[in-house]
Amino acid sequence: MIEANPRPSPPPPVAVAWRSADILRTAALVLGLYLLLRLLWVAYPLLFLSFLGMLFGLAVARGADSLERLRIPRGIGATLIVLTFLGALVGLGFLVAPKIREQAGELRNAVPEALDKVEGWMGRHQDGLLGQMLPLDTAKPTEQTPDTPPAQAESHPSDKLSKLPDSLSGQLGAVTRYLFSFLSSTVSVIAGVILILFLSIYIGAAPDLYRNGLLHLVPQRARPRAEQVLTAISMTLRRWLLTQLVAMLVIGVVTFIVLSLLHVRAALALAILAGLFEFIPMLGPILSGVPAVAMGLLDSPQKALFVLIAYVAIQFFENHLLIPLLMKEGVDLPPVLTLIGLALMGLIFGFLGMLVAVPFLAAVMVAVKLLYVEDVMGDEVTTVLDT
């Protein structure tokens, strides 16, 4: 039976071909993205220093707000804040520089002596539990005979232990060159400090100028939400910086008092080192604790143990009392995410990456919470705007 109104067959699929303009546009986009990534990789020290300048500029802007209420123009107020802070650092440096120079020299000369004591202690305990845990060759050396070539003689464990200071020194030098590679030139250090100072003054004097410039890059319908995100990021970074500066001061003072009570050499230099490295969460206390334990080892293993216990107690005081008291509803970063971010930034960018890892991660987390978790997923989140 023949159907009266047969259905028309669907038209054959039309192959969508890329036009030459589309191919050129895509190639230009890929090439531009590649060149941008290459530029970012080459210029990352400049970008990180600019980020630090912006971070300090937010704190200067807060101080300039207070001075503006006293009828002091923002530009003059921001300049006064930066110059006062810089003058305080220079004055403090002149006061303690002779003592720090003396103790830093003592610390530098004492580290090899501490390594020698470690070598001797390991040599005395190589037949005990230490020898079972560490891969030390405790076999006695074979006696050489006139027919035995010198190359076949087994080395004594003390020969291996004698190479420990050189090995540790070489590894420490390699790590130092990797982490502090951006300090290879005095000119670059001075230029970086000047850049941070001027960025702090400019951002502190006119923060709205740069905020409005960023908002002009966003479509008008999305500008209210973008302004909320920028406000939350700036408040989070300002609170984090204030917390870190107070924590650096407190940890430096407490460390100096504790090391002085324990009669550890170079207590002032070690305390300043502990305060400076406090800017790097988690890894900073470890980096500052190693030379302190080494200085304690110069006197006795017992003193080194007391120094180690003191540093652990100071970190317990900081993590469970000082930081919660200062931060309260501030930056909420999971410890695992913070540790991974520090390790990744340090692995890729060295010490400078570790320096900006936590504030950069805090800023990214605020944007993710507001723009993705709240706007896309629909979940409620708590930020500094709610405190």
Protein backbone atom coordinates (compact mmCIF):
# COMPACT_ATOMS: atom_id res chain seq x y z
CA MET A 1 0.00 0.00 0.00
CA ILE A 2 1.33 3.35 -1.05
CA GLU A 3 1.22 6.17 1.55
CA ALA A 4 -0.68 9.22 0.35
CA ASN A 5 1.52 11.93 1.88
CA PRO A 6 5.03 10.54 2.27
CA ARG A 7 7.21 12.37 4.79
CA PRO A 8 10.03 14.34 3.22
CA SER A 9 13.49 13.01 3.94
CA PRO A 10 15.58 15.21 6.24
CA PRO A 11 18.18 17.32 4.51
CA PRO A 12 21.72 15.99 4.57
CA PRO A 13 23.90 17.43 7.37
CA VAL A 14 25.85 20.42 6.30
CA ALA A 15 29.50 20.34 7.26
CA VAL A 16 30.48 23.50 9.11
CA ALA A 17 33.76 24.68 7.74
CA TRP A 18 36.02 27.16 9.45
CA ARG A 19 36.53 30.31 7.53
CA SER A 20 39.99 31.68 7.01
CA ALA A 21 39.21 34.59 9.33
CA ASP A 22 38.20 32.18 12.13
CA ILE A 23 41.41 30.21 11.73
CA LEU A 24 43.53 33.36 11.81
CA ARG A 25 41.63 34.69 14.84
CA THR A 26 42.11 31.42 16.75
CA ALA A 27 45.79 31.22 15.85
CA ALA A 28 46.30 34.82 16.96
CA LEU A 29 44.49 34.09 20.25
CA VAL A 30 46.63 31.01 20.96
CA LEU A 31 49.82 32.85 20.03
CA GLY A 32 48.86 35.83 22.17
CA LEU A 33 48.10 33.57 25.14
CA TYR A 34 51.44 31.82 24.70
CA LEU A 35 53.33 35.12 24.56
CA LEU A 36 51.44 36.36 27.63
CA LEU A 37 52.39 33.25 29.62
CA ARG A 38 56.01 33.61 28.51
CA LEU A 39 55.99 37.26 29.56
CA LEU A 40 54.50 36.39 32.94
CA TRP A 41 57.14 33.71 33.45
CA VAL A 42 59.97 36.11 32.67
CA ALA A 43 58.51 39.04 34.61
CA TYR A 44 57.18 37.20 37.67
CA PRO A 45 59.58 38.99 40.07
CA LEU A 46 58.13 42.33 38.93
CA LEU A 47 54.58 41.01 39.28
CA PHE A 48 55.19 39.66 42.79
CA LEU A 49 56.88 42.89 43.89
CA SER A 50 53.93 44.84 42.48
CA PHE A 51 51.58 42.58 44.44
CA LEU A 52 53.55 43.30 47.63
CA GLY A 53 53.38 47.03 46.85
CA MET A 54 49.62 46.77 46.42
CA LEU A 55 49.38 44.80 49.68
CA PHE A 56 51.26 47.44 51.66
CA GLY A 57 49.39 50.17 49.77
CA LEU A 58 46.09 48.89 51.17
CA ALA A 59 47.44 49.29 54.70
CA VAL A 60 48.77 52.77 53.87
CA ALA A 61 45.36 53.71 52.46
CA ARG A 62 43.76 52.81 55.78
CA GLY A 63 46.19 55.09 57.60
CA ALA A 64 45.65 57.85 55.03
CA ASP A 65 41.91 57.65 55.74
CA SER A 66 42.60 58.45 59.40
CA LEU A 67 44.93 61.31 58.54
CA GLU A 68 42.40 62.70 56.07
CA ARG A 69 39.95 63.18 58.94
CA LEU A 70 42.58 65.49 60.44
CA ARG A 71 42.47 67.57 57.22
CA ILE A 72 45.77 66.18 55.94
CA PRO A 73 45.67 65.54 52.16
CA ARG A 74 45.81 61.88 51.20
CA GLY A 75 48.99 62.24 49.15
CA ILE A 76 50.87 63.90 51.99
CA GLY A 77 49.41 61.47 54.54
CA ALA A 78 50.42 58.39 52.54
CA THR A 79 53.93 59.77 52.06
CA LEU A 80 54.25 60.55 55.77
CA ILE A 81 53.16 57.04 56.73
CA VAL A 82 55.66 55.35 54.40
CA LEU A 83 58.53 57.68 55.36
CA THR A 84 57.76 57.27 59.07
CA PHE A 85 57.75 53.49 58.76
CA LEU A 86 60.97 53.56 56.72
CA GLY A 87 62.60 55.94 59.19
CA ALA A 88 61.65 53.69 62.10
CA LEU A 89 63.24 50.71 60.38
CA VAL A 90 66.42 52.66 59.57
CA GLY A 91 66.65 53.99 63.11
CA LEU A 92 66.17 50.54 64.57
CA GLY A 93 68.80 49.24 62.18
CA PHE A 94 71.36 51.82 63.32
CA LEU A 95 70.67 50.96 66.96
CA VAL A 96 71.03 47.21 66.65
CA ALA A 97 73.26 46.94 63.56
CA PRO A 98 76.58 46.60 65.47
CA LYS A 99 75.15 43.89 67.71
CA ILE A 100 73.50 42.09 64.81
CA ARG A 101 76.72 42.24 62.78
CA GLU A 102 78.68 40.75 65.66
CA GLN A 103 76.15 38.03 66.36
CA ALA A 104 75.65 37.26 62.66
CA GLY A 105 79.40 36.73 62.31
CA GLU A 106 79.36 34.52 65.38
CA LEU A 107 76.44 32.57 63.96
CA ARG A 108 78.21 32.11 60.62
CA ASN A 109 81.38 30.87 62.29
CA ALA A 110 79.53 28.66 64.74
CA VAL A 111 77.53 26.61 62.23
CA PRO A 112 80.57 24.54 61.07
CA GLU A 113 81.46 23.90 64.71
CA ALA A 114 77.89 22.71 65.35
CA LEU A 115 78.15 20.37 62.37
CA ASP A 116 81.39 18.98 63.78
CA LYS A 117 79.60 18.24 67.05
CA VAL A 118 76.82 16.50 65.13
CA GLU A 119 79.47 14.46 63.33
CA GLY A 120 81.12 13.45 66.59
CA TRP A 121 77.82 12.57 68.23
CA MET A 122 76.82 10.42 65.24
CA GLY A 123 80.20 8.74 65.33
CA ARG A 124 79.79 7.81 69.01
CA HIS A 125 76.30 6.41 68.46
CA GLN A 126 76.77 4.65 65.15
CA ASP A 127 76.80 1.23 66.80
CA GLY A 128 73.55 1.83 68.69
CA LEU A 129 70.03 2.63 67.63
CA LEU A 130 71.27 5.39 65.30
CA GLY A 131 73.42 2.95 63.40
CA GLN A 132 70.41 0.67 62.90
CA MET A 133 68.19 3.51 61.68
CA LEU A 134 70.69 5.28 59.43
CA PRO A 135 72.44 3.58 56.51
CA LEU A 136 75.90 3.87 58.07
CA ASP A 137 78.47 1.28 57.14
CA THR A 138 79.75 -0.05 60.47
CA ALA A 139 81.98 -2.70 59.01
CA LYS A 140 85.59 -2.53 60.04
CA PRO A 141 88.04 -1.48 57.40
CA THR A 142 89.99 -4.25 55.72
CA GLU A 143 93.68 -4.25 56.28
CA GLN A 144 95.69 -3.34 53.26
CA THR A 145 98.46 -5.63 52.11
CA PRO A 146 101.12 -4.85 49.60
CA ASP A 147 99.16 -6.91 47.07
CA THR A 148 95.86 -5.07 47.73
CA PRO A 149 95.25 -2.04 45.54
CA PRO A 150 94.29 1.10 47.49
CA ALA A 151 91.06 1.44 45.50
CA GLN A 152 89.79 -1.86 46.93
CA ALA A 153 90.21 -0.77 50.56
CA GLU A 154 86.90 -0.13 52.32
CA SER A 155 86.38 3.28 53.82
CA HIS A 156 85.76 3.64 57.52
CA PRO A 157 82.41 5.13 58.66
CA SER A 158 84.28 8.05 60.17
CA ASP A 159 85.43 8.95 56.66
CA LYS A 160 81.81 9.17 55.59
CA LEU A 161 80.90 11.17 58.66
CA SER A 162 83.80 13.53 58.06
CA LYS A 163 82.18 14.49 54.77
CA LEU A 164 78.92 15.45 56.49
CA PRO A 165 79.72 19.16 57.02
CA ASP A 166 80.86 19.60 53.43
CA SER A 167 77.78 17.79 52.15
CA LEU A 168 75.41 19.81 54.31
CA SER A 169 77.17 23.04 53.44
CA GLY A 170 76.95 22.26 49.74
CA GLN A 171 73.26 21.39 49.95
CA LEU A 172 72.56 24.49 52.05
CA GLY A 173 74.40 26.65 49.55
CA ALA A 174 72.41 25.16 46.67
CA VAL A 175 69.11 25.75 48.47
CA THR A 176 70.14 29.30 49.34
CA ARG A 177 71.09 30.08 45.75
CA TYR A 178 67.74 28.68 44.58
CA LEU A 179 65.51 30.38 47.14
CA PHE A 180 67.29 33.75 47.22
CA SER A 181 68.20 33.97 43.54
CA PHE A 182 66.37 37.31 43.30
CA LEU A 183 68.90 38.75 45.78
CA SER A 184 71.82 38.15 43.42
CA SER A 185 72.29 41.85 42.77
CA THR A 186 72.32 44.74 45.23
CA VAL A 187 70.90 46.99 42.54
CA SER A 188 67.91 44.68 42.02
CA VAL A 189 67.22 44.60 45.75
CA ILE A 190 67.28 48.41 46.03
CA ALA A 191 65.12 48.73 42.91
CA GLY A 192 62.60 46.25 44.34
CA VAL A 193 62.37 48.11 47.65
CA ILE A 194 61.93 51.46 45.88
CA LEU A 195 59.20 49.96 43.68
CA ILE A 196 57.30 48.65 46.71
CA LEU A 197 57.61 52.00 48.51
CA PHE A 198 56.35 54.07 45.58
CA LEU A 199 53.50 51.65 44.84
CA SER A 200 52.48 51.85 48.49
CA ILE A 201 52.41 55.65 48.34
CA TYR A 202 50.50 55.85 45.05
CA ILE A 203 47.90 53.22 46.01
CA GLY A 204 47.53 54.63 49.52
CA ALA A 205 47.06 58.16 48.16
CA ALA A 206 44.40 57.31 45.56
CA PRO A 207 42.96 53.79 46.01
CA ASP A 208 39.67 54.72 44.33
CA LEU A 209 41.51 55.64 41.12
CA TYR A 210 42.81 52.09 40.66
CA ARG A 211 39.59 50.49 41.90
CA ASN A 212 37.54 52.42 39.33
CA GLY A 213 40.07 51.52 36.66
CA LEU A 214 39.54 47.83 37.36
CA LEU A 215 35.75 48.27 37.41
CA HIS A 216 35.84 49.88 33.96
CA LEU A 217 37.09 46.55 32.62
CA VAL A 218 33.90 44.83 33.81
CA PRO A 219 30.50 45.11 32.03
CA GLN A 220 28.16 47.59 33.70
CA ARG A 221 25.59 44.99 34.73
CA ALA A 222 28.29 43.09 36.66
CA ARG A 223 30.02 46.10 38.26
CA PRO A 224 28.09 46.06 41.58
CA ARG A 225 29.12 42.44 42.18
CA ALA A 226 32.69 43.13 41.06
CA GLU A 227 32.86 46.04 43.50
CA GLN A 228 31.77 43.73 46.33
CA VAL A 229 34.47 41.23 45.38
CA LEU A 230 37.17 43.92 45.25
CA THR A 231 36.05 45.29 48.61
CA ALA A 232 36.14 41.84 50.20
CA ILE A 233 39.60 41.13 48.75
CA SER A 234 41.02 44.45 49.95
CA MET A 235 39.60 43.99 53.46
CA THR A 236 40.92 40.42 53.63
CA LEU A 237 44.42 41.41 52.51
CA ARG A 238 44.53 44.40 54.86
CA ARG A 239 43.48 42.28 57.83
CA TRP A 240 45.96 39.55 56.94
CA LEU A 241 48.82 42.04 56.66
CA LEU A 242 47.99 43.66 59.99
CA THR A 243 47.88 40.26 61.65
CA GLN A 244 51.22 39.26 60.17
CA LEU A 245 52.97 42.47 61.22
CA VAL A 246 51.74 42.16 64.81
CA ALA A 247 52.65 38.46 64.87
CA MET A 248 56.16 39.21 63.54
CA LEU A 249 56.74 41.76 66.29
CA VAL A 250 55.37 39.54 69.07
CA ILE A 251 57.23 36.42 67.92
CA GLY A 252 60.50 38.36 67.59
CA VAL A 253 60.22 39.77 71.13
CA VAL A 254 59.15 36.46 72.68
CA THR A 255 61.92 34.58 70.88
CA PHE A 256 64.54 37.06 72.10
CA ILE A 257 63.34 36.73 75.70
CA VAL A 258 63.29 32.92 75.59
CA LEU A 259 66.71 32.60 73.92
CA SER A 260 68.20 35.10 76.36
CA LEU A 261 66.84 33.10 79.32
CA LEU A 262 68.39 29.95 77.81
CA HIS A 263 71.70 31.82 77.32
CA VAL A 264 71.80 31.00 73.60
CA ARG A 265 74.43 32.88 71.63
CA ALA A 266 73.36 35.47 69.04
CA ALA A 267 69.91 35.71 70.63
CA LEU A 268 69.14 39.09 69.03
CA ALA A 269 70.06 38.00 65.51
CA LEU A 270 68.08 34.77 65.89
CA ALA A 271 65.06 36.68 67.22
CA ILE A 272 65.11 39.11 64.28
CA LEU A 273 65.41 36.14 61.93
CA ALA A 274 62.40 34.49 63.62
CA GLY A 275 60.36 37.69 63.29
CA LEU A 276 61.20 38.15 59.61
CA PHE A 277 60.50 34.54 58.67
CA GLU A 278 57.16 34.78 60.49
CA PHE A 279 55.89 36.45 57.31
CA ILE A 280 55.97 32.96 55.75
CA PRO A 281 53.41 30.82 57.59
CA MET A 282 54.23 27.18 58.44
CA LEU A 283 57.62 27.05 56.73
CA GLY A 284 59.00 30.27 58.22
CA PRO A 285 59.31 28.95 61.81
CA ILE A 286 61.18 25.89 60.52
CA LEU A 287 63.63 28.03 58.57
CA SER A 288 64.28 30.23 61.60
CA GLY A 289 64.45 27.36 64.08
CA VAL A 290 67.29 25.44 62.42
CA PRO A 291 70.08 27.99 63.15
CA ALA A 292 68.74 28.46 66.70
CA VAL A 293 68.97 24.74 67.42
CA ALA A 294 72.45 24.71 65.87
CA MET A 295 73.55 27.51 68.21
CA GLY A 296 72.20 25.60 71.18
CA LEU A 297 74.10 22.54 70.06
CA LEU A 298 77.36 24.46 70.42
CA ASP A 299 76.97 24.31 74.20
CA SER A 300 75.33 20.92 74.65
CA PRO A 301 72.74 18.59 73.11
CA GLN A 302 70.54 19.32 76.13
CA LYS A 303 70.47 23.04 75.32
CA ALA A 304 69.66 22.27 71.69
CA LEU A 305 66.75 20.15 72.90
CA PHE A 306 65.54 23.00 75.14
CA VAL A 307 65.74 25.42 72.20
CA LEU A 308 63.72 23.02 70.05
CA ILE A 309 61.09 22.67 72.78
CA ALA A 310 60.99 26.47 73.16
CA TYR A 311 60.37 26.99 69.44
CA VAL A 312 57.60 24.38 69.45
CA ALA A 313 56.01 26.09 72.47
CA ILE A 314 56.22 29.50 70.79
CA GLN A 315 54.49 28.13 67.69
CA PHE A 316 51.81 26.53 69.86
CA PHE A 317 51.26 29.90 71.56
CA GLU A 318 51.05 31.61 68.18
CA ASN A 319 48.70 29.16 66.47
CA HIS A 320 46.31 28.61 69.37
CA LEU A 321 46.26 32.00 71.09
CA LEU A 322 47.90 34.86 69.20
CA ILE A 323 46.61 34.29 65.65
CA PRO A 324 43.00 33.44 66.69
CA LEU A 325 42.98 36.53 68.91
CA LEU A 326 44.24 38.78 66.10
CA MET A 327 42.42 37.23 63.19
CA LYS A 328 39.04 36.21 64.63
CA GLU A 329 36.79 36.41 61.55
CA GLY A 330 39.61 37.21 59.14
CA VAL A 331 41.32 35.00 56.59
CA ASP A 332 39.91 31.47 56.63
CA LEU A 333 42.36 29.25 54.75
CA PRO A 334 42.44 25.47 55.19
CA PRO A 335 45.88 24.40 56.51
CA VAL A 336 46.30 21.73 53.82
CA LEU A 337 45.53 24.21 51.05
CA THR A 338 47.93 26.72 52.60
CA LEU A 339 50.72 24.15 52.81
CA ILE A 340 50.20 23.00 49.22
CA GLY A 341 50.13 26.60 48.00
CA LEU A 342 53.35 27.43 49.85
CA ALA A 343 55.11 24.34 48.54
CA LEU A 344 53.95 24.89 44.96
CA MET A 345 54.84 28.59 44.87
CA GLY A 346 58.19 27.91 46.52
CA LEU A 347 58.96 25.09 44.10
CA ILE A 348 58.16 27.16 41.02
CA PHE A 349 59.17 30.69 42.02
CA GLY A 350 61.49 30.23 45.02
CA PHE A 351 61.50 32.42 48.11
CA LEU A 352 59.62 35.28 46.43
CA GLY A 353 56.80 32.90 45.55
CA MET A 354 56.59 31.71 49.15
CA LEU A 355 56.46 35.33 50.30
CA VAL A 356 53.30 36.11 48.34
CA ALA A 357 51.71 32.65 48.39
CA VAL A 358 49.37 33.09 51.37
CA PRO A 359 47.98 36.58 50.58
CA PHE A 360 47.60 35.63 46.92
CA LEU A 361 45.80 32.43 47.92
CA ALA A 362 43.58 34.40 50.31
CA ALA A 363 42.58 36.80 47.52
CA VAL A 364 41.83 33.92 45.13
CA MET A 365 39.75 32.14 47.79
CA VAL A 366 37.60 35.25 48.33
CA ALA A 367 36.91 35.51 44.59
CA VAL A 368 36.12 31.78 44.33
CA LYS A 369 33.72 31.92 47.27
CA LEU A 370 31.79 34.91 45.99
CA LEU A 371 31.83 34.32 42.24
CA TYR A 372 31.59 30.52 42.09
CA VAL A 373 30.38 29.02 45.36
CA GLU A 374 27.75 31.70 45.98
CA ASP A 375 26.80 32.92 42.49
CA VAL A 376 27.09 29.67 40.50
CA MET A 377 26.48 26.93 43.07
CA GLY A 378 24.01 28.95 45.14
CA ASP A 379 25.57 28.14 48.53
CA GLU A 380 25.85 30.75 51.24
CA VAL A 381 29.39 31.75 52.23
CA THR A 382 30.79 33.99 54.94
CA THR A 383 33.37 36.64 54.11
CA VAL A 384 34.80 39.72 55.80
CA LEU A 385 31.86 41.68 54.42
CA ASP A 386 29.60 39.82 56.84
CA THR A 387 31.72 40.57 59.93
